[in-house]
């Protein structure tokens, strides 16, 4: 049985060619490249190609910044498409999707949807009944398409407009 926004997606296998796995310290360089490429090439609606905003946004997306998250309390995931790393996702202990980025060469492949479904399932398994996230302008439509709802009005964030969103899990 499926609900309106595809709860069955959260528990189904990833589409063919997509592999999702927990990130390790050996993945930090690939993850850094994915995050920086996604931000610089796909998020112009948020940073308007302003080099200062891009620099601030990517400052903690270094291999060391990612290592700190892996060694901290965030649960990081890596998405591979046909064996190539193309997506990064993370959840916080507070029940937030704290990171979800797909590299330009992975967009439109289902990687983002598969990664989001995995993160939602992980949140539910951890005992959260509602997922939360802060969406960029670039990603807002993606989240709405996958059953997330806006909460309040968009506000100015550190890197551009930020919309709080939630989804019952």
Protein backbone atom coordinates (compact mmCIF):
# COMPACT_ATOMS: atom_id res chain seq x y z
CA UNK A 1 0.00 0.00 0.00
CA UNK A 2 1.26 3.46 -0.85
CA UNK A 3 0.41 6.77 0.68
CA UNK A 4 0.01 10.07 -1.15
CA UNK A 5 3.75 10.82 -1.20
CA UNK A 6 5.12 7.32 -1.62
CA UNK A 7 5.97 5.94 1.78
CA UNK A 8 6.77 2.75 -0.10
CA UNK A 9 9.69 4.65 -1.66
CA UNK A 10 11.34 4.95 1.72
CA UNK A 11 11.55 1.22 2.12
CA UNK A 12 12.14 0.11 -1.44
CA UNK A 13 15.51 -0.66 -2.94
CA UNK A 14 17.43 2.08 -4.72
CA UNK A 15 16.96 2.18 -8.50
CA UNK A 16 19.32 0.13 -10.65
CA UNK A 17 22.82 1.56 -10.78
CA UNK A 18 22.43 3.47 -7.50
CA UNK A 19 24.22 2.27 -4.38
CA UNK A 20 23.77 3.93 -0.98
CA UNK A 21 26.17 3.27 1.87
CA UNK A 22 27.36 4.83 5.08
CA UNK A 23 30.31 7.14 4.47
CA UNK A 24 33.71 6.35 5.91
CA UNK A 25 36.84 8.39 6.46
CA UNK A 26 38.09 7.04 3.13
CA UNK A 27 35.28 8.95 1.37
CA UNK A 28 36.07 12.47 2.58
CA UNK A 29 37.84 13.63 -0.60
CA UNK A 30 35.04 12.39 -2.89
CA UNK A 31 32.42 13.89 -0.60
CA UNK A 32 34.20 17.24 -0.53
CA UNK A 33 34.30 17.33 -4.34
CA UNK A 34 30.59 16.44 -4.59
CA UNK A 35 29.54 19.12 -2.11
CA UNK A 36 31.65 21.88 -3.65
CA UNK A 37 30.66 21.03 -7.24
CA UNK A 38 26.98 20.89 -6.31
CA UNK A 39 27.07 24.22 -4.48
CA UNK A 40 29.11 26.07 -7.10
CA UNK A 41 27.42 24.61 -10.20
CA UNK A 42 23.82 23.94 -9.13
CA UNK A 43 22.96 26.47 -6.42
CA UNK A 44 23.27 29.78 -8.30
CA UNK A 45 19.66 30.60 -7.33
CA UNK A 46 20.95 30.81 -3.77
CA UNK A 47 24.41 32.36 -4.08
CA UNK A 48 23.88 34.32 -7.33
CA UNK A 49 27.49 33.44 -8.27
CA UNK A 50 28.77 35.75 -5.54
CA UNK A 51 32.30 34.47 -4.75
CA UNK A 52 32.09 35.60 -1.12
CA UNK A 53 28.88 33.63 -0.51
CA UNK A 54 30.28 30.58 -2.31
CA UNK A 55 33.48 30.78 -0.23
CA UNK A 56 31.51 30.96 3.05
CA UNK A 57 29.18 28.13 1.98
CA UNK A 58 31.97 25.79 0.96
CA UNK A 59 34.39 26.68 3.79
CA UNK A 60 33.43 23.65 5.92
CA UNK A 61 33.02 21.31 2.93
CA UNK A 62 36.72 20.43 2.99
CA UNK A 63 37.91 16.87 3.61
CA UNK A 64 38.74 17.91 7.21
CA UNK A 65 35.29 19.45 7.71
CA UNK A 66 33.67 16.25 6.50
CA UNK A 67 36.00 14.14 8.66
CA UNK A 68 34.83 16.17 11.66
CA UNK A 69 31.18 15.38 10.83
CA UNK A 70 31.88 11.66 10.40
CA UNK A 71 33.72 11.57 13.71
CA UNK A 72 30.96 13.65 15.33
CA UNK A 73 27.32 12.86 15.79
CA UNK A 74 26.10 13.16 12.19
CA UNK A 75 25.25 10.03 10.21
CA UNK A 76 26.70 10.52 6.71
CA UNK A 77 25.78 8.59 3.57
CA UNK A 78 27.41 8.36 0.16
CA UNK A 79 25.47 7.70 -3.04
CA UNK A 80 27.16 6.06 -6.00
CA UNK A 81 25.82 5.96 -9.53
CA UNK A 82 27.28 3.14 -11.58
CA UNK A 83 30.13 2.94 -9.09
CA UNK A 84 30.94 6.67 -9.13
CA UNK A 85 30.35 8.86 -6.03
CA UNK A 86 27.71 11.48 -6.89
CA UNK A 87 25.68 12.21 -3.74
CA UNK A 88 26.13 13.03 -0.07
CA UNK A 89 23.50 12.98 2.65
CA UNK A 90 23.56 13.37 6.41
CA UNK A 91 21.18 13.34 9.34
CA UNK A 92 21.63 14.84 12.77
CA UNK A 93 20.67 13.22 16.07
CA UNK A 94 17.97 15.90 16.42
CA UNK A 95 16.07 14.45 13.47
CA UNK A 96 17.23 16.82 10.76
CA UNK A 97 18.39 16.14 7.24
CA UNK A 98 21.48 18.30 7.62
CA UNK A 99 23.06 17.61 4.21
CA UNK A 100 21.69 16.46 0.87
CA UNK A 101 23.67 17.30 -2.26
CA UNK A 102 24.03 15.64 -5.64
CA UNK A 103 26.87 16.37 -8.06
CA UNK A 104 25.91 17.89 -11.42
CA UNK A 105 26.57 14.59 -13.23
CA UNK A 106 24.14 12.78 -10.89
CA UNK A 107 21.11 15.06 -11.20
CA UNK A 108 18.01 13.61 -12.80
CA UNK A 109 19.19 10.05 -12.18
CA UNK A 110 17.12 9.32 -9.07
CA UNK A 111 20.14 9.59 -6.77
CA UNK A 112 18.67 12.50 -4.78
CA UNK A 113 15.33 10.76 -4.33
CA UNK A 114 16.99 7.49 -3.29
CA UNK A 115 19.29 9.27 -0.86
CA UNK A 116 16.41 11.27 0.65
CA UNK A 117 14.33 8.10 1.07
CA UNK A 118 17.28 6.42 2.85
CA UNK A 119 17.73 9.40 5.19
CA UNK A 120 14.00 9.45 5.96
CA UNK A 121 14.08 5.72 6.74
CA UNK A 122 17.10 6.22 9.01
CA UNK A 123 15.32 9.02 10.89
CA UNK A 124 12.25 6.85 11.35
CA UNK A 125 14.38 3.92 12.53
CA UNK A 126 16.07 6.25 15.04
CA UNK A 127 12.64 6.99 16.53
CA UNK A 128 11.82 10.33 14.93
CA UNK A 129 8.21 10.74 13.83
CA UNK A 130 8.88 13.96 11.92
CA UNK A 131 11.84 14.88 9.75
CA UNK A 132 13.06 18.46 9.55
CA UNK A 133 15.42 20.38 7.29
CA UNK A 134 16.39 23.83 6.09
CA UNK A 135 15.99 24.03 2.33
CA UNK A 136 17.78 26.24 -0.13
CA UNK A 137 15.78 27.92 -2.89
CA UNK A 138 17.39 25.49 -5.32
CA UNK A 139 16.18 22.38 -3.46
CA UNK A 140 12.75 23.55 -2.29
CA UNK A 141 10.83 22.12 -5.28
CA UNK A 142 12.63 18.79 -4.90
CA UNK A 143 11.57 18.49 -1.26
CA UNK A 144 7.99 19.54 -2.00
CA UNK A 145 7.83 16.86 -4.71
CA UNK A 146 8.87 14.27 -2.10
CA UNK A 147 6.20 15.15 0.44
CA UNK A 148 7.96 17.75 2.55
CA UNK A 149 5.97 20.78 3.70
CA UNK A 150 7.05 24.34 4.34
CA UNK A 151 7.00 25.72 7.84
CA UNK A 152 6.64 29.48 8.20
CA UNK A 153 8.08 31.85 5.65
CA UNK A 154 11.49 31.70 4.01
CA UNK A 155 14.14 33.74 5.77
CA UNK A 156 17.56 34.98 4.84
CA UNK A 157 20.10 32.28 5.65
CA UNK A 158 23.88 32.33 5.75
CA UNK A 159 24.11 31.48 2.04
CA UNK A 160 20.81 32.72 0.65
CA UNK A 161 17.08 32.17 1.25
CA UNK A 162 16.35 29.39 3.74
CA UNK A 163 13.02 27.61 4.10
CA UNK A 164 12.29 25.45 7.15
CA UNK A 165 10.51 22.25 6.10
CA UNK A 166 9.13 19.14 7.78
CA UNK A 167 7.69 15.76 6.87
CA UNK A 168 5.79 13.28 9.01
CA UNK A 169 7.66 10.00 8.73
